[in-house]
Amino acid sequence: MIYDGGCLCGAVRYRIDGEPLSAGYCHCRMCQRAAGAPVVAWVAFRRGSFRIVKGEPAAVRASPRATRRFCSRCGSALTFEYSSSTDTVDVTIATLDDPNAAEPVYQIWTSSRVPWLHLESQGPHFKGDPPGSPGAKEPSFPPAGRAGSARPGPTARRR
């Protein structure tokens, strides 16, 4: 499947040629601050399936374990990549041309959730990192399919 997306001003565009691995909401303070929002919806893909087709996003080392990419012109948050040897890239669902292509089915870092936000997600909720994340003892969830079936996988970790 092909997914296209980009920033608000159109200076950065990307294309993904692959299936989503997982999709969920992150409530961590880093995501909240980076997006200026109470929660961020992410979808993960294999890193090799993602490419920039227009422009060049800026990058910031958000923490010792991650890099965030964004448009330097309009500020749109675009991707999140772990510094470790993961082969995935997480993309902000709202920057997909069709944000309905990936439905979040889990929530992570609910311990940082703002109390006035109430999402109707019926999937699993984790106070911190979910199973399959670095340092977690539990195995990861099975890989995801199309929208509506994305399960938390190895990239469903704290941002």
C-alpha atoms as a PDB file:
ATOM      1  CA  MET A   1       0.000   0.000   0.000  1.00  0.00           C
ATOM      2  CA  ILE A   2       1.189   3.548  -0.730  1.00  0.00           C
ATOM      3  CA  TYR A   3       0.678   6.324   1.822  1.00  0.00           C
ATOM      4  CA  ASP A   4       1.518   9.970   1.103  1.00  0.00           C
ATOM      5  CA  GLY A   5       1.721  12.840   3.521  1.00  0.00           C
ATOM      6  CA  GLY A   6       3.487  16.011   4.497  1.00  0.00           C
ATOM      7  CA  CYS A   7       3.601  19.137   6.575  1.00  0.00           C
ATOM      8  CA  LEU A   8       1.065  21.967   6.819  1.00  0.00           C
ATOM      9  CA  CYS A   9       2.835  24.344   4.414  1.00  0.00           C
ATOM     10  CA  GLY A  10       3.766  21.670   1.848  1.00  0.00           C
ATOM     11  CA  ALA A  11       7.524  22.240   2.042  1.00  0.00           C
ATOM     12  CA  VAL A  12       8.110  18.623   3.169  1.00  0.00           C
ATOM     13  CA  ARG A  13       6.384  15.641   1.593  1.00  0.00           C
ATOM     14  CA  TYR A  14       6.895  11.938   2.214  1.00  0.00           C
ATOM     15  CA  ARG A  15       5.806   8.608   0.744  1.00  0.00           C
ATOM     16  CA  ILE A  16       5.459   5.247   2.456  1.00  0.00           C
ATOM     17  CA  ASP A  17       5.343   2.026   0.462  1.00  0.00           C
ATOM     18  CA  GLY A  18       4.368  -0.594   3.039  1.00  0.00           C
ATOM     19  CA  GLU A  19       1.839  -1.685   5.614  1.00  0.00           C
ATOM     20  CA  PRO A  20       1.434  -0.118   9.060  1.00  0.00           C
ATOM     21  CA  LEU A  21       2.973  -2.078  11.923  1.00  0.00           C
ATOM     22  CA  SER A  22       1.189  -0.413  14.839  1.00  0.00           C
ATOM     23  CA  ALA A  23      -0.860   2.697  15.564  1.00  0.00           C
ATOM     24  CA  GLY A  24      -1.625   4.345  18.862  1.00  0.00           C
ATOM     25  CA  TYR A  25      -1.888   7.429  20.997  1.00  0.00           C
ATOM     26  CA  CYS A  26       1.073   8.643  23.060  1.00  0.00           C
ATOM     27  CA  HIS A  27       0.411  10.757  26.152  1.00  0.00           C
ATOM     28  CA  CYS A  28       4.056  11.249  27.215  1.00  0.00           C
ATOM     29  CA  ARG A  29       5.223  14.744  28.149  1.00  0.00           C
ATOM     30  CA  MET A  30       7.758  14.792  25.292  1.00  0.00           C
ATOM     31  CA  CYS A  31       5.025  14.242  22.701  1.00  0.00           C
ATOM     32  CA  GLN A  32       2.753  16.760  24.387  1.00  0.00           C
ATOM     33  CA  ARG A  33       5.447  19.437  24.311  1.00  0.00           C
ATOM     34  CA  ALA A  34       6.732  18.626  20.820  1.00  0.00           C
ATOM     35  CA  ALA A  35       3.242  18.808  19.310  1.00  0.00           C
ATOM     36  CA  GLY A  36       1.699  21.426  21.591  1.00  0.00           C
ATOM     37  CA  ALA A  37      -1.176  19.007  22.082  1.00  0.00           C
ATOM     38  CA  PRO A  38      -2.448  16.736  24.873  1.00  0.00           C
ATOM     39  CA  VAL A  39      -1.844  13.558  22.846  1.00  0.00           C
ATOM     40  CA  VAL A  40      -0.201  12.517  19.576  1.00  0.00           C
ATOM     41  CA  ALA A  41      -1.423   9.747  17.287  1.00  0.00           C
ATOM     42  CA  TRP A  42       1.402   7.732  15.680  1.00  0.00           C
ATOM     43  CA  VAL A  43       1.607   4.989  13.082  1.00  0.00           C
ATOM     44  CA  ALA A  44       4.738   2.883  12.660  1.00  0.00           C
ATOM     45  CA  PHE A  45       6.197   1.589   9.394  1.00  0.00           C
ATOM     46  CA  ARG A  46       9.386  -0.183   8.386  1.00  0.00           C
ATOM     47  CA  ARG A  47      12.094   2.462   8.011  1.00  0.00           C
ATOM     48  CA  GLY A  48      12.962   1.232   4.515  1.00  0.00           C
ATOM     49  CA  SER A  49       9.410   1.895   3.315  1.00  0.00           C
ATOM     50  CA  PHE A  50       9.547   5.604   4.276  1.00  0.00           C
ATOM     51  CA  ARG A  51      11.164   8.280   2.115  1.00  0.00           C
ATOM     52  CA  ILE A  52      11.141  12.043   1.820  1.00  0.00           C
ATOM     53  CA  VAL A  53      10.045  13.069  -1.683  1.00  0.00           C
ATOM     54  CA  LYS A  54      10.123  16.860  -1.277  1.00  0.00           C
ATOM     55  CA  GLY A  55      12.100  19.165   0.969  1.00  0.00           C
ATOM     56  CA  GLU A  56      14.249  18.231   3.925  1.00  0.00           C
ATOM     57  CA  PRO A  57      12.832  18.018   7.445  1.00  0.00           C
ATOM     58  CA  ALA A  58      14.774  19.465  10.349  1.00  0.00           C
ATOM     59  CA  ALA A  59      15.823  17.073  13.097  1.00  0.00           C
ATOM     60  CA  VAL A  60      16.169  17.435  16.844  1.00  0.00           C
ATOM     61  CA  ARG A  61      17.644  14.899  19.223  1.00  0.00           C
ATOM     62  CA  ALA A  62      14.640  14.843  21.565  1.00  0.00           C
ATOM     63  CA  SER A  63      16.316  12.551  24.087  1.00  0.00           C
ATOM     64  CA  PRO A  64      19.350  10.273  24.225  1.00  0.00           C
ATOM     65  CA  ARG A  65      17.213   7.565  22.654  1.00  0.00           C
ATOM     66  CA  ALA A  66      15.254   9.367  19.930  1.00  0.00           C
ATOM     67  CA  THR A  67      15.219  11.878  17.061  1.00  0.00           C
ATOM     68  CA  ARG A  68      12.161  13.837  15.972  1.00  0.00           C
ATOM     69  CA  ARG A  69      11.824  15.333  12.503  1.00  0.00           C
ATOM     70  CA  PHE A  70       9.674  18.320  11.647  1.00  0.00           C
ATOM     71  CA  CYS A  71       9.211  21.011   9.009  1.00  0.00           C
ATOM     72  CA  SER A  72      11.507  23.937   9.762  1.00  0.00           C
ATOM     73  CA  ARG A  73       9.167  26.312   7.925  1.00  0.00           C
ATOM     74  CA  CYS A  74       5.762  25.553   9.522  1.00  0.00           C
ATOM     75  CA  GLY A  75       6.780  23.406  12.519  1.00  0.00           C
ATOM     76  CA  SER A  76       4.663  20.351  11.702  1.00  0.00           C
ATOM     77  CA  ALA A  77       5.843  17.305  13.641  1.00  0.00           C
ATOM     78  CA  LEU A  78       6.458  14.510  11.140  1.00  0.00           C
ATOM     79  CA  THR A  79       8.410  11.533  12.470  1.00  0.00           C
ATOM     80  CA  PHE A  80       9.934   9.889  15.502  1.00  0.00           C
ATOM     81  CA  GLU A  81      12.861   7.472  15.239  1.00  0.00           C
ATOM     82  CA  TYR A  82      14.667   5.571  17.943  1.00  0.00           C
ATOM     83  CA  SER A  83      18.429   5.888  18.009  1.00  0.00           C
ATOM     84  CA  SER A  84      18.750   2.183  18.741  1.00  0.00           C
ATOM     85  CA  SER A  85      18.860  -0.401  16.019  1.00  0.00           C
ATOM     86  CA  THR A  86      15.120  -0.445  15.372  1.00  0.00           C
ATOM     87  CA  ASP A  87      14.131  -0.633  11.747  1.00  0.00           C
ATOM     88  CA  THR A  88      10.979   1.438  12.133  1.00  0.00           C
ATOM     89  CA  VAL A  89       9.873   5.029  11.788  1.00  0.00           C
ATOM     90  CA  ASP A  90       6.803   6.430  13.528  1.00  0.00           C
ATOM     91  CA  VAL A  91       4.800   8.979  11.524  1.00  0.00           C
ATOM     92  CA  THR A  92       2.255  11.411  12.938  1.00  0.00           C
ATOM     93  CA  ILE A  93      -1.083  10.143  11.663  1.00  0.00           C
ATOM     94  CA  ALA A  94      -2.436  13.667  11.195  1.00  0.00           C
ATOM     95  CA  THR A  95       0.223  14.399   8.540  1.00  0.00           C
ATOM     96  CA  LEU A  96      -0.947  11.542   6.300  1.00  0.00           C
ATOM     97  CA  ASP A  97      -2.968  12.815   3.347  1.00  0.00           C
ATOM     98  CA  ASP A  98      -5.595  10.329   4.486  1.00  0.00           C
ATOM     99  CA  PRO A  99      -5.435  10.201   8.289  1.00  0.00           C
ATOM    100  CA  ASN A 100      -8.201   7.585   8.229  1.00  0.00           C
ATOM    101  CA  ALA A 101      -5.659   5.117   6.837  1.00  0.00           C
ATOM    102  CA  ALA A 102      -4.403   4.251  10.326  1.00  0.00           C
ATOM    103  CA  GLU A 103      -6.659   3.984  13.344  1.00  0.00           C
ATOM    104  CA  PRO A 104      -4.991   4.123  16.776  1.00  0.00           C
ATOM    105  CA  VAL A 105      -5.882   1.046  18.804  1.00  0.00           C
ATOM    106  CA  TYR A 106      -3.827   1.482  21.979  1.00  0.00           C
ATOM    107  CA  GLN A 107      -2.633   4.233  24.307  1.00  0.00           C
ATOM    108  CA  ILE A 108       0.783   4.585  25.927  1.00  0.00           C
ATOM    109  CA  TRP A 109       2.083   6.757  28.740  1.00  0.00           C
ATOM    110  CA  THR A 110      -1.418   7.208  30.151  1.00  0.00           C
ATOM    111  CA  SER A 111       0.291   8.134  33.416  1.00  0.00           C
ATOM    112  CA  SER A 112       0.924  11.519  31.712  1.00  0.00           C
ATOM    113  CA  ARG A 113      -2.584  11.828  30.244  1.00  0.00           C
ATOM    114  CA  VAL A 114      -4.211  15.169  30.964  1.00  0.00           C
ATOM    115  CA  PRO A 115      -7.262  14.447  33.129  1.00  0.00           C
ATOM    116  CA  TRP A 116      -9.704  16.398  30.982  1.00  0.00           C
ATOM    117  CA  LEU A 117      -8.969  14.354  27.846  1.00  0.00           C
ATOM    118  CA  HIS A 118     -11.240  11.352  27.303  1.00  0.00           C
ATOM    119  CA  LEU A 119     -10.601   9.139  24.274  1.00  0.00           C
ATOM    120  CA  GLU A 120     -12.938   6.319  23.318  1.00  0.00           C
ATOM    121  CA  SER A 121     -10.148   3.876  22.437  1.00  0.00           C
ATOM    122  CA  GLN A 122     -11.152   0.367  23.462  1.00  0.00           C
ATOM    123  CA  GLY A 123      -7.655  -1.078  23.034  1.00  0.00           C
ATOM    124  CA  PRO A 124      -5.022  -1.653  25.697  1.00  0.00           C
ATOM    125  CA  HIS A 125      -3.787   1.211  27.866  1.00  0.00           C
ATOM    126  CA  PHE A 126      -0.291   1.345  29.353  1.00  0.00           C
ATOM    127  CA  LYS A 127       0.890   3.665  32.136  1.00  0.00           C
ATOM    128  CA  GLY A 128       4.340   3.654  30.520  1.00  0.00           C
ATOM    129  CA  ASP A 129       6.127   1.639  27.864  1.00  0.00           C
ATOM    130  CA  PRO A 130       4.073  -1.284  26.527  1.00  0.00           C
ATOM    131  CA  PRO A 131       5.285  -4.842  25.999  1.00  0.00           C
ATOM    132  CA  GLY A 132       7.959  -5.111  23.315  1.00  0.00           C
ATOM    133  CA  SER A 133       9.628  -1.797  24.096  1.00  0.00           C
ATOM    134  CA  PRO A 134      13.301  -1.534  25.119  1.00  0.00           C
ATOM    135  CA  GLY A 135      13.744  -3.011  28.559  1.00  0.00           C
ATOM    136  CA  ALA A 136      10.243  -4.527  28.688  1.00  0.00           C
ATOM    137  CA  LYS A 137      10.088  -8.127  29.851  1.00  0.00           C
ATOM    138  CA  GLU A 138       6.865  -8.907  28.022  1.00  0.00           C
ATOM    139  CA  PRO A 139       6.937  -9.934  24.335  1.00  0.00           C
ATOM    140  CA  SER A 140       5.549  -7.540  21.767  1.00  0.00           C
ATOM    141  CA  PHE A 141       2.059  -7.757  20.333  1.00  0.00           C
ATOM    142  CA  PRO A 142       1.631  -9.329  16.873  1.00  0.00           C
ATOM    143  CA  PRO A 143       2.271  -7.135  13.814  1.00  0.00           C
ATOM    144  CA  ALA A 144      -0.552  -4.983  12.500  1.00  0.00           C
ATOM    145  CA  GLY A 145      -2.507  -4.924   9.287  1.00  0.00           C
ATOM    146  CA  ARG A 146      -4.601  -2.173   7.766  1.00  0.00           C
ATOM    147  CA  ALA A 147      -6.381   0.623   9.579  1.00  0.00           C
ATOM    148  CA  GLY A 148      -8.543  -0.602  12.381  1.00  0.00           C
ATOM    149  CA  SER A 149      -6.349  -3.593  13.090  1.00  0.00           C
ATOM    150  CA  ALA A 150      -3.046  -1.975  14.058  1.00  0.00           C
ATOM    151  CA  ARG A 151      -1.836  -3.532  17.296  1.00  0.00           C
ATOM    152  CA  PRO A 152       0.931  -2.251  19.511  1.00  0.00           C
ATOM    153  CA  GLY A 153       4.194  -3.645  18.275  1.00  0.00           C
ATOM    154  CA  PRO A 154       7.852  -3.113  18.940  1.00  0.00           C
ATOM    155  CA  THR A 155       7.668   0.594  18.090  1.00  0.00           C
ATOM    156  CA  ALA A 156       4.908   1.342  20.564  1.00  0.00           C
ATOM    157  CA  ARG A 157       7.315   2.906  23.022  1.00  0.00           C
ATOM    158  CA  ARG A 158       7.682   6.131  24.894  1.00  0.00           C
ATOM    159  CA  ARG A 159       8.503   8.935  22.557  1.00  0.00           C
END
